[in-house]
C-alpha atoms as a PDB file:
ATOM      1  CA  MET A   1       0.009   0.009  -0.023  1.00  0.00           C
ATOM      2  CA  THR A   2       1.424   3.395  -0.974  1.00  0.00           C
ATOM      3  CA  GLY A   3       0.307   6.883  -0.120  1.00  0.00           C
ATOM      4  CA  ILE A   4      -2.942   5.750   1.475  1.00  0.00           C
ATOM      5  CA  ASN A   5      -5.375   8.509   2.512  1.00  0.00           C
ATOM      6  CA  VAL A   6      -8.760   7.866   4.085  1.00  0.00           C
ATOM      7  CA  ALA A   7     -11.267  10.617   4.913  1.00  0.00           C
ATOM      8  CA  PHE A   8     -14.581  10.058   6.693  1.00  0.00           C
ATOM      9  CA  GLY A   9     -16.511  13.169   6.090  1.00  0.00           C
ATOM     10  CA  GLY A  10     -14.217  16.033   6.957  1.00  0.00           C
ATOM     11  CA  VAL A  11     -11.954  13.931   9.142  1.00  0.00           C
ATOM     12  CA  LEU A  12      -8.738  12.585   7.774  1.00  0.00           C
ATOM     13  CA  ALA A  13      -8.320   9.126   9.332  1.00  0.00           C
ATOM     14  CA  LEU A  14      -5.126   8.197   7.426  1.00  0.00           C
ATOM     15  CA  SER A  15      -2.672  10.575   5.831  1.00  0.00           C
ATOM     16  CA  ASP A  16      -0.099   9.440   3.279  1.00  0.00           C
ATOM     17  CA  VAL A  17       0.514   6.004   4.857  1.00  0.00           C
ATOM     18  CA  SER A  18       2.653   3.396   3.048  1.00  0.00           C
ATOM     19  CA  LEU A  19       3.249  -0.200   4.081  1.00  0.00           C
ATOM     20  CA  THR A  20       4.927  -3.105   2.290  1.00  0.00           C
ATOM     21  CA  VAL A  21       4.846  -6.731   3.520  1.00  0.00           C
ATOM     22  CA  GLU A  22       7.693  -8.614   1.960  1.00  0.00           C
ATOM     23  CA  PRO A  23       7.494 -12.307   1.089  1.00  0.00           C
ATOM     24  CA  GLY A  24       8.039 -14.545   4.110  1.00  0.00           C
ATOM     25  CA  GLN A  25       7.934 -11.580   6.436  1.00  0.00           C
ATOM     26  CA  VAL A  26       5.912 -10.963   9.621  1.00  0.00           C
ATOM     27  CA  HIS A  27       5.136  -7.264   9.495  1.00  0.00           C
ATOM     28  CA  GLY A  28       3.638  -5.560  12.607  1.00  0.00           C
ATOM     29  CA  LEU A  29       1.295  -2.551  12.565  1.00  0.00           C
ATOM     30  CA  ILE A  30       1.099  -0.792  15.916  1.00  0.00           C
ATOM     31  CA  GLY A  31       0.107   2.522  17.401  1.00  0.00           C
ATOM     32  CA  PRO A  32      -1.886   4.103  20.289  1.00  0.00           C
ATOM     33  CA  ASN A  33      -5.665   3.892  20.419  1.00  0.00           C
ATOM     34  CA  GLY A  34      -7.151   5.878  17.537  1.00  0.00           C
ATOM     35  CA  ALA A  35      -3.952   5.796  15.554  1.00  0.00           C
ATOM     36  CA  GLY A  36      -5.612   4.398  12.437  1.00  0.00           C
ATOM     37  CA  LYS A  37      -4.472   0.770  12.645  1.00  0.00           C
ATOM     38  CA  THR A  38      -7.972  -0.687  12.120  1.00  0.00           C
ATOM     39  CA  THR A  39      -8.685   1.709   9.261  1.00  0.00           C
ATOM     40  CA  LEU A  40      -5.507   0.662   7.465  1.00  0.00           C
ATOM     41  CA  PHE A  41      -6.264  -3.010   8.112  1.00  0.00           C
ATOM     42  CA  ASN A  42      -9.742  -2.515   6.694  1.00  0.00           C
ATOM     43  CA  VAL A  43      -8.243  -0.859   3.624  1.00  0.00           C
ATOM     44  CA  ALA A  44      -6.078  -3.989   3.118  1.00  0.00           C
ATOM     45  CA  CYS A  45      -9.203  -6.182   3.522  1.00  0.00           C
ATOM     46  CA  GLY A  46     -11.301  -4.182   1.076  1.00  0.00           C
ATOM     47  CA  LEU A  47     -13.663  -3.124   3.804  1.00  0.00           C
ATOM     48  CA  VAL A  48     -12.696   0.574   3.403  1.00  0.00           C
ATOM     49  CA  ARG A  49     -11.919   2.184   0.122  1.00  0.00           C
ATOM     50  CA  PRO A  50      -9.129   4.733   0.362  1.00  0.00           C
ATOM     51  CA  THR A  51      -9.734   8.310  -0.686  1.00  0.00           C
ATOM     52  CA  SER A  52      -6.450   8.158  -2.587  1.00  0.00           C
ATOM     53  CA  GLY A  53      -3.345   5.930  -2.795  1.00  0.00           C
ATOM     54  CA  ARG A  54      -2.537   2.575  -4.335  1.00  0.00           C
ATOM     55  CA  ILE A  55      -2.958  -1.049  -3.218  1.00  0.00           C
ATOM     56  CA  VAL A  56      -0.672  -3.367  -5.128  1.00  0.00           C
ATOM     57  CA  TRP A  57      -0.589  -7.141  -4.930  1.00  0.00           C
ATOM     58  CA  ARG A  58       1.700  -9.299  -7.028  1.00  0.00           C
ATOM     59  CA  ASP A  59       2.514  -6.321  -9.274  1.00  0.00           C
ATOM     60  CA  ARG A  60      -1.232  -5.777  -9.934  1.00  0.00           C
ATOM     61  CA  GLU A  61      -2.990  -2.627  -8.689  1.00  0.00           C
ATOM     62  CA  LEU A  62      -6.256  -3.379  -6.882  1.00  0.00           C
ATOM     63  CA  SER A  63      -8.327  -0.299  -7.555  1.00  0.00           C
ATOM     64  CA  ARG A  64     -11.665  -1.586  -6.233  1.00  0.00           C
ATOM     65  CA  LEU A  65     -10.674  -4.301  -3.791  1.00  0.00           C
ATOM     66  CA  ARG A  66     -13.593  -6.094  -2.134  1.00  0.00           C
ATOM     67  CA  PRO A  67     -13.506  -8.627   0.777  1.00  0.00           C
ATOM     68  CA  SER A  68     -15.011 -11.302  -1.537  1.00  0.00           C
ATOM     69  CA  GLN A  69     -11.909 -11.113  -3.706  1.00  0.00           C
ATOM     70  CA  LEU A  70      -9.389 -11.906  -1.005  1.00  0.00           C
ATOM     71  CA  THR A  71      -9.482 -15.684  -1.128  1.00  0.00           C
ATOM     72  CA  ARG A  72      -9.044 -15.779  -4.899  1.00  0.00           C
ATOM     73  CA  LEU A  73      -6.086 -13.430  -4.555  1.00  0.00           C
ATOM     74  CA  GLY A  74      -4.389 -15.754  -2.067  1.00  0.00           C
ATOM     75  CA  ILE A  75      -5.148 -13.582   1.005  1.00  0.00           C
ATOM     76  CA  SER A  76      -6.809 -14.686   4.237  1.00  0.00           C
ATOM     77  CA  ARG A  77      -7.810 -12.614   7.258  1.00  0.00           C
ATOM     78  CA  THR A  78      -9.048 -12.832  10.774  1.00  0.00           C
ATOM     79  CA  LEU A  79     -10.910 -10.004  12.503  1.00  0.00           C
ATOM     80  CA  GLN A  80     -10.951  -8.779  16.065  1.00  0.00           C
ATOM     81  CA  GLY A  81     -14.079 -10.831  16.751  1.00  0.00           C
ATOM     82  CA  VAL A  82     -14.080 -14.496  15.819  1.00  0.00           C
ATOM     83  CA  GLY A  83     -16.857 -14.164  13.168  1.00  0.00           C
ATOM     84  CA  LEU A  84     -17.815 -17.825  13.261  1.00  0.00           C
ATOM     85  CA  PHE A  85     -21.169 -19.175  12.025  1.00  0.00           C
ATOM     86  CA  ALA A  86     -23.200 -20.276  15.053  1.00  0.00           C
ATOM     87  CA  GLY A  87     -25.276 -22.813  13.089  1.00  0.00           C
ATOM     88  CA  LEU A  88     -22.323 -24.658  11.654  1.00  0.00           C
ATOM     89  CA  THR A  89     -19.955 -27.026  13.477  1.00  0.00           C
ATOM     90  CA  VAL A  90     -16.347 -26.125  14.036  1.00  0.00           C
ATOM     91  CA  LEU A  91     -15.306 -28.435  11.130  1.00  0.00           C
ATOM     92  CA  GLU A  92     -17.905 -26.860   8.832  1.00  0.00           C
ATOM     93  CA  ASN A  93     -16.739 -23.331   9.788  1.00  0.00           C
ATOM     94  CA  VAL A  94     -13.166 -24.202   8.884  1.00  0.00           C
ATOM     95  CA  MET A  95     -14.321 -25.852   5.662  1.00  0.00           C
ATOM     96  CA  ILE A  96     -15.650 -22.431   4.502  1.00  0.00           C
ATOM     97  CA  GLY A  97     -12.058 -21.184   4.488  1.00  0.00           C
ATOM     98  CA  ALA A  98     -10.987 -24.026   2.225  1.00  0.00           C
ATOM     99  CA  HIS A  99     -13.570 -23.386  -0.484  1.00  0.00           C
ATOM    100  CA  ARG A 100     -10.943 -21.946  -2.941  1.00  0.00           C
ATOM    101  CA  HIS A 101      -9.621 -25.557  -3.278  1.00  0.00           C
ATOM    102  CA  ALA A 102     -13.021 -26.986  -4.218  1.00  0.00           C
ATOM    103  CA  LYS A 103     -13.961 -27.474  -7.882  1.00  0.00           C
ATOM    104  CA  ALA A 104     -17.638 -27.591  -7.190  1.00  0.00           C
ATOM    105  CA  GLY A 105     -17.707 -24.909  -4.555  1.00  0.00           C
ATOM    106  CA  PHE A 106     -18.023 -25.109  -0.748  1.00  0.00           C
ATOM    107  CA  PHE A 107     -21.802 -25.081  -0.469  1.00  0.00           C
ATOM    108  CA  SER A 108     -22.204 -27.880  -3.006  1.00  0.00           C
ATOM    109  CA  ALA A 109     -19.830 -29.964  -0.823  1.00  0.00           C
ATOM    110  CA  LEU A 110     -21.463 -28.969   2.403  1.00  0.00           C
ATOM    111  CA  PHE A 111     -24.940 -30.022   1.262  1.00  0.00           C
ATOM    112  CA  ALA A 112     -23.637 -33.214  -0.415  1.00  0.00           C
ATOM    113  CA  LEU A 113     -24.725 -32.517  -3.958  1.00  0.00           C
ATOM    114  CA  PRO A 114     -23.876 -35.452  -6.300  1.00  0.00           C
ATOM    115  CA  THR A 115     -21.119 -33.545  -8.118  1.00  0.00           C
ATOM    116  CA  ALA A 116     -19.372 -32.634  -4.889  1.00  0.00           C
ATOM    117  CA  ASP A 117     -18.461 -35.974  -3.292  1.00  0.00           C
ATOM    118  CA  LYS A 118     -14.750 -35.635  -4.016  1.00  0.00           C
ATOM    119  CA  ASP A 119     -14.758 -31.997  -2.978  1.00  0.00           C
ATOM    120  CA  ASP A 120     -16.460 -32.861   0.325  1.00  0.00           C
ATOM    121  CA  GLY A 121     -13.694 -35.240   1.249  1.00  0.00           C
ATOM    122  CA  LEU A 122     -11.005 -32.782   0.159  1.00  0.00           C
ATOM    123  CA  LEU A 123     -12.463 -29.891   2.192  1.00  0.00           C
ATOM    124  CA  ARG A 124     -13.018 -32.042   5.275  1.00  0.00           C
ATOM    125  CA  GLU A 125      -9.461 -33.379   5.109  1.00  0.00           C
ATOM    126  CA  ARG A 126      -8.029 -29.879   4.745  1.00  0.00           C
ATOM    127  CA  ALA A 127     -10.150 -28.511   7.566  1.00  0.00           C
ATOM    128  CA  HIS A 128      -9.179 -31.367   9.845  1.00  0.00           C
ATOM    129  CA  ARG A 129      -5.480 -30.760   9.206  1.00  0.00           C
ATOM    130  CA  ALA A 130      -5.901 -27.042  10.043  1.00  0.00           C
ATOM    131  CA  LEU A 131      -7.660 -27.899  13.260  1.00  0.00           C
ATOM    132  CA  VAL A 132      -4.874 -30.335  14.186  1.00  0.00           C
ATOM    133  CA  GLU A 133      -2.246 -27.619  13.549  1.00  0.00           C
ATOM    134  CA  LEU A 134      -4.153 -25.299  15.900  1.00  0.00           C
ATOM    135  CA  GLY A 135      -4.735 -28.030  18.539  1.00  0.00           C
ATOM    136  CA  ALA A 136      -8.488 -27.746  18.115  1.00  0.00           C
ATOM    137  CA  GLU A 137      -9.327 -31.051  16.404  1.00  0.00           C
ATOM    138  CA  ALA A 138     -11.182 -32.321  19.508  1.00  0.00           C
ATOM    139  CA  TYR A 139     -13.821 -29.637  18.983  1.00  0.00           C
ATOM    140  CA  ALA A 140     -14.542 -30.499  15.301  1.00  0.00           C
ATOM    141  CA  GLY A 141     -18.095 -31.622  15.944  1.00  0.00           C
ATOM    142  CA  ARG A 142     -19.022 -28.890  18.440  1.00  0.00           C
ATOM    143  CA  TYR A 143     -20.746 -25.577  17.768  1.00  0.00           C
ATOM    144  CA  PRO A 144     -18.822 -22.351  18.307  1.00  0.00           C
ATOM    145  CA  GLY A 145     -21.162 -21.033  20.958  1.00  0.00           C
ATOM    146  CA  SER A 146     -20.348 -23.910  23.263  1.00  0.00           C
ATOM    147  CA  LEU A 147     -16.604 -23.246  23.242  1.00  0.00           C
ATOM    148  CA  PRO A 148     -14.423 -20.965  25.400  1.00  0.00           C
ATOM    149  CA  TYR A 149     -13.420 -17.765  23.610  1.00  0.00           C
ATOM    150  CA  PRO A 150      -9.678 -18.738  23.268  1.00  0.00           C
ATOM    151  CA  VAL A 151     -10.781 -21.969  21.433  1.00  0.00           C
ATOM    152  CA  GLN A 152     -13.070 -19.931  19.187  1.00  0.00           C
ATOM    153  CA  LYS A 153      -9.989 -17.773  18.306  1.00  0.00           C
ATOM    154  CA  ARG A 154      -8.058 -20.912  17.326  1.00  0.00           C
ATOM    155  CA  VAL A 155     -10.950 -22.038  15.084  1.00  0.00           C
ATOM    156  CA  ALA A 156     -11.066 -18.597  13.382  1.00  0.00           C
ATOM    157  CA  LEU A 157      -7.366 -18.819  12.750  1.00  0.00           C
ATOM    158  CA  ALA A 158      -7.684 -22.336  11.433  1.00  0.00           C
ATOM    159  CA  ARG A 159     -10.336 -21.127   8.997  1.00  0.00           C
ATOM    160  CA  ALA A 160      -7.892 -18.475   7.708  1.00  0.00           C
ATOM    161  CA  LEU A 161      -5.005 -20.892   7.448  1.00  0.00           C
ATOM    162  CA  VAL A 162      -6.846 -23.668   5.684  1.00  0.00           C
ATOM    163  CA  ALA A 163      -6.911 -21.681   2.448  1.00  0.00           C
ATOM    164  CA  ASP A 164      -3.016 -21.836   2.326  1.00  0.00           C
ATOM    165  CA  PRO A 165      -2.835 -18.084   1.745  1.00  0.00           C
ATOM    166  CA  ASP A 166       0.239 -16.234   0.494  1.00  0.00           C
ATOM    167  CA  LEU A 167      -0.651 -13.300   2.806  1.00  0.00           C
ATOM    168  CA  LEU A 168      -2.345 -13.661   6.194  1.00  0.00           C
ATOM    169  CA  LEU A 169      -3.946 -10.593   7.781  1.00  0.00           C
ATOM    170  CA  LEU A 170      -4.305 -10.837  11.572  1.00  0.00           C
ATOM    171  CA  ASP A 171      -6.253  -8.266  13.524  1.00  0.00           C
ATOM    172  CA  GLU A 172      -5.671  -8.425  17.299  1.00  0.00           C
ATOM    173  CA  PRO A 173      -5.274 -12.213  17.386  1.00  0.00           C
ATOM    174  CA  ALA A 174      -4.065 -12.189  20.978  1.00  0.00           C
ATOM    175  CA  SER A 175      -7.056 -10.464  22.454  1.00  0.00           C
ATOM    176  CA  GLY A 176      -8.660 -12.532  25.159  1.00  0.00           C
ATOM    177  CA  LEU A 177      -5.713 -14.971  25.409  1.00  0.00           C
ATOM    178  CA  SER A 178      -3.749 -15.833  28.530  1.00  0.00           C
ATOM    179  CA  GLU A 179       0.037 -15.306  28.688  1.00  0.00           C
ATOM    180  CA  ASP A 180       0.708 -18.985  27.882  1.00  0.00           C
ATOM    181  CA  GLU A 181      -1.768 -18.934  25.007  1.00  0.00           C
ATOM    182  CA  MET A 182      -0.207 -15.716  23.690  1.00  0.00           C
ATOM    183  CA  HIS A 183       3.239 -17.396  23.732  1.00  0.00           C
ATOM    184  CA  GLU A 184       1.936 -20.340  21.764  1.00  0.00           C
ATOM    185  CA  LEU A 185       0.377 -17.896  19.285  1.00  0.00           C
ATOM    186  CA  GLY A 186       3.696 -16.160  18.898  1.00  0.00           C
ATOM    187  CA  ASP A 187       5.439 -19.465  18.102  1.00  0.00           C
ATOM    188  CA  LEU A 188       2.799 -20.293  15.558  1.00  0.00           C
ATOM    189  CA  ILE A 189       3.076 -16.880  13.841  1.00  0.00           C
ATOM    190  CA  ARG A 190       6.830 -17.248  13.591  1.00  0.00           C
ATOM    191  CA  SER A 191       6.480 -20.739  12.061  1.00  0.00           C
ATOM    192  CA  LEU A 192       4.092 -19.393   9.450  1.00  0.00           C
ATOM    193  CA  SER A 193       6.684 -17.085   7.904  1.00  0.00           C
ATOM    194  CA  GLY A 194       8.132 -20.078   6.007  1.00  0.00           C
ATOM    195  CA  ARG A 195       4.836 -20.551   4.247  1.00  0.00           C
ATOM    196  CA  MET A 196       3.287 -17.098   3.893  1.00  0.00           C
ATOM    197  CA  SER A 197       3.658 -13.395   4.687  1.00  0.00           C
ATOM    198  CA  VAL A 198       1.846 -12.004   7.761  1.00  0.00           C
ATOM    199  CA  LEU A 199       0.475  -8.586   8.516  1.00  0.00           C
ATOM    200  CA  LEU A 200      -0.125  -8.429  12.247  1.00  0.00           C
ATOM    201  CA  VAL A 201      -2.158  -5.686  13.997  1.00  0.00           C
ATOM    202  CA  GLU A 202      -1.645  -6.048  17.722  1.00  0.00           C
ATOM    203  CA  HIS A 203      -1.458  -4.001  20.929  1.00  0.00           C
ATOM    204  CA  HIS A 204       0.464  -6.555  22.953  1.00  0.00           C
ATOM    205  CA  MET A 205       3.963  -5.042  22.461  1.00  0.00           C
ATOM    206  CA  ASP A 206       5.867  -8.031  23.801  1.00  0.00           C
ATOM    207  CA  LEU A 207       4.230 -10.264  21.206  1.00  0.00           C
ATOM    208  CA  VAL A 208       4.880  -7.801  18.390  1.00  0.00           C
ATOM    209  CA  MET A 209       8.501  -7.367  19.325  1.00  0.00           C
ATOM    210  CA  ARG A 210       9.054 -11.123  19.577  1.00  0.00           C
ATOM    211  CA  VAL A 211       7.499 -12.197  16.289  1.00  0.00           C
ATOM    212  CA  CYS A 212       7.825  -9.346  13.804  1.00  0.00           C
ATOM    213  CA  ASP A 213      10.624  -8.769  11.276  1.00  0.00           C
ATOM    214  CA  ARG A 214       9.540  -5.200  10.599  1.00  0.00           C
ATOM    215  CA  ILE A 215       7.079  -2.832  12.308  1.00  0.00           C
ATOM    216  CA  THR A 216       5.134   0.161  11.032  1.00  0.00           C
ATOM    217  CA  VAL A 217       3.952   2.667  13.671  1.00  0.00           C
ATOM    218  CA  LEU A 218       0.918   4.957  13.228  1.00  0.00           C
ATOM    219  CA  ASP A 219      -0.121   7.903  15.348  1.00  0.00           C
ATOM    220  CA  SER A 220      -3.147  10.096  14.648  1.00  0.00           C
ATOM    221  CA  GLY A 221      -3.428   8.611  11.160  1.00  0.00           C
ATOM    222  CA  LYS A 222       0.161   9.304  10.218  1.00  0.00           C
ATOM    223  CA  GLN A 223       3.105   7.022   9.890  1.00  0.00           C
ATOM    224  CA  ILE A 224       5.704   7.990  12.426  1.00  0.00           C
ATOM    225  CA  ALA A 225       8.131   5.046  12.203  1.00  0.00           C
ATOM    226  CA  ASN A 226       9.042   1.980  10.135  1.00  0.00           C
ATOM    227  CA  GLY A 227      11.849  -0.473  10.716  1.00  0.00           C
ATOM    228  CA  THR A 228      13.075  -3.442  12.612  1.00  0.00           C
ATOM    229  CA  PRO A 229      11.924  -3.969  16.191  1.00  0.00           C
ATOM    230  CA  ALA A 230      15.216  -2.583  17.473  1.00  0.00           C
ATOM    231  CA  GLU A 231      14.913   0.502  15.272  1.00  0.00           C
ATOM    232  CA  VAL A 232      11.382   1.140  16.389  1.00  0.00           C
ATOM    233  CA  GLN A 233      12.280   0.679  20.072  1.00  0.00           C
ATOM    234  CA  ALA A 234      15.018   3.283  19.708  1.00  0.00           C
ATOM    235  CA  ASP A 235      12.806   5.850  18.005  1.00  0.00           C
ATOM    236  CA  PRO A 236      11.841   8.715  20.380  1.00  0.00           C
ATOM    237  CA  ALA A 237       8.710   9.470  18.298  1.00  0.00           C
ATOM    238  CA  VAL A 238       7.347   6.099  19.148  1.00  0.00           C
ATOM    239  CA  THR A 239       7.933   6.512  22.848  1.00  0.00           C
ATOM    240  CA  GLU A 240       6.276   9.925  22.762  1.00  0.00           C
ATOM    241  CA  ALA A 241       3.285   8.602  20.838  1.00  0.00           C
ATOM    242  CA  TYR A 242       2.647   5.918  23.413  1.00  0.00           C
ATOM    243  CA  LEU A 243       3.551   7.641  26.614  1.00  0.00           C
ATOM    244  CA  GLY A 244       3.429  11.396  25.938  1.00  0.00           C
ATOM    245  CA  ASP A 245       6.092  14.091  26.186  1.00  0.00           C
ATOM    246  CA  ASP A 246       7.118  13.690  29.788  1.00  0.00           C
ATOM    247  CA  VAL A 247       8.954  10.378  29.603  1.00  0.00           C
ATOM    248  CA  ASP A 248      12.468   9.091  29.930  1.00  0.00           C
ATOM    249  CA  VAL A 249      13.079   7.993  26.340  1.00  0.00           C
ATOM    250  CA  GLU A 250      16.282   6.099  27.133  1.00  0.00           C
ATOM    251  CA  ALA A 251      14.682   4.223  29.965  1.00  0.00           C
ATOM    252  CA  ASP A 252      11.639   3.322  27.934  1.00  0.00           C
ATOM    253  CA  ALA A 253      13.743   2.182  25.018  1.00  0.00           C
ATOM    254  CA  ALA A 254      15.593  -0.084  27.404  1.00  0.00           C
ATOM    255  CA  ALA A 255      12.289  -1.525  28.556  1.00  0.00           C
ATOM    256  CA  LEU A 256      11.190  -2.134  25.002  1.00  0.00           C
ATOM    257  CA  ALA A 257      14.564  -3.710  24.243  1.00  0.00           C
ATOM    258  CA  SER A 258      13.892  -6.371  26.896  1.00  0.00           C
ATOM    259  CA  ALA A 259      10.969  -7.494  24.776  1.00  0.00           C
ATOM    260  CA  GLU A 260      13.327  -7.776  21.808  1.00  0.00           C
ATOM    261  CA  GLY A 261      15.644  -9.846  23.952  1.00  0.00           C
ATOM    262  CA  GLY A 262      12.793 -12.269  24.583  1.00  0.00           C
ATOM    263  CA  ARG A 263      12.231 -12.528  20.796  1.00  0.00           C
ATOM    264  CA  ASN A 264      15.911 -13.408  20.180  1.00  0.00           C
ATOM    265  CA  ASP A 265      15.873 -15.988  22.969  1.00  0.00           C
ATOM    266  CA  ALA A 266      12.673 -17.669  21.639  1.00  0.00           C
END
């Protein structure tokens, strides 16, 4: 994304923001509340159309990106909420994410139409593997509403991963997770970089610093920093954006560096 501007009425929500996720890279997007992270994420998902700027994917400009196009483009996403279908089982929810691999289409397979027998087996196998990867296979026959929230988050992530995307968009995946669950999530995100690129929007700084290769920082709709975790930690503009003017920049940078040390030790 290059030179992204978004205006809602007379309010400029994003001003000349650029972000590039390189192949095999985990790229973090952070900033204080109201910085514009969700707006930029929604631009990447096709939920918000920028007032100006360019979205380029695989050397192709996407001038009218829509959410329905993402799967065909090799892009998967999770949202802040789990977004699961209450009337479908866990396995069936994950199967929806695999429909790009079905020749007859997901719903033909789901309702067992004669032309979809092979697709049905393919989708179920893919969905089961994704649940195994996320440690949620035991819940395959359950309905989302009967599951604890952290398990629902795993199912939502499995639904995104089952499509084998080239780019995974994650919006606040650690929300509602315990410290141990967050650590497991971090290990999973790092392992995904060998298979896909990841754009991570997250407010848990320790997780971001541990798993990201590069980080873009927004404040009040503007990009104030972009670089490696170490570079972002050392940037006074980042410290000021999070903690205000009256802070000890060197002390705060040292505190942030401890999170980076945890990333290197992981």
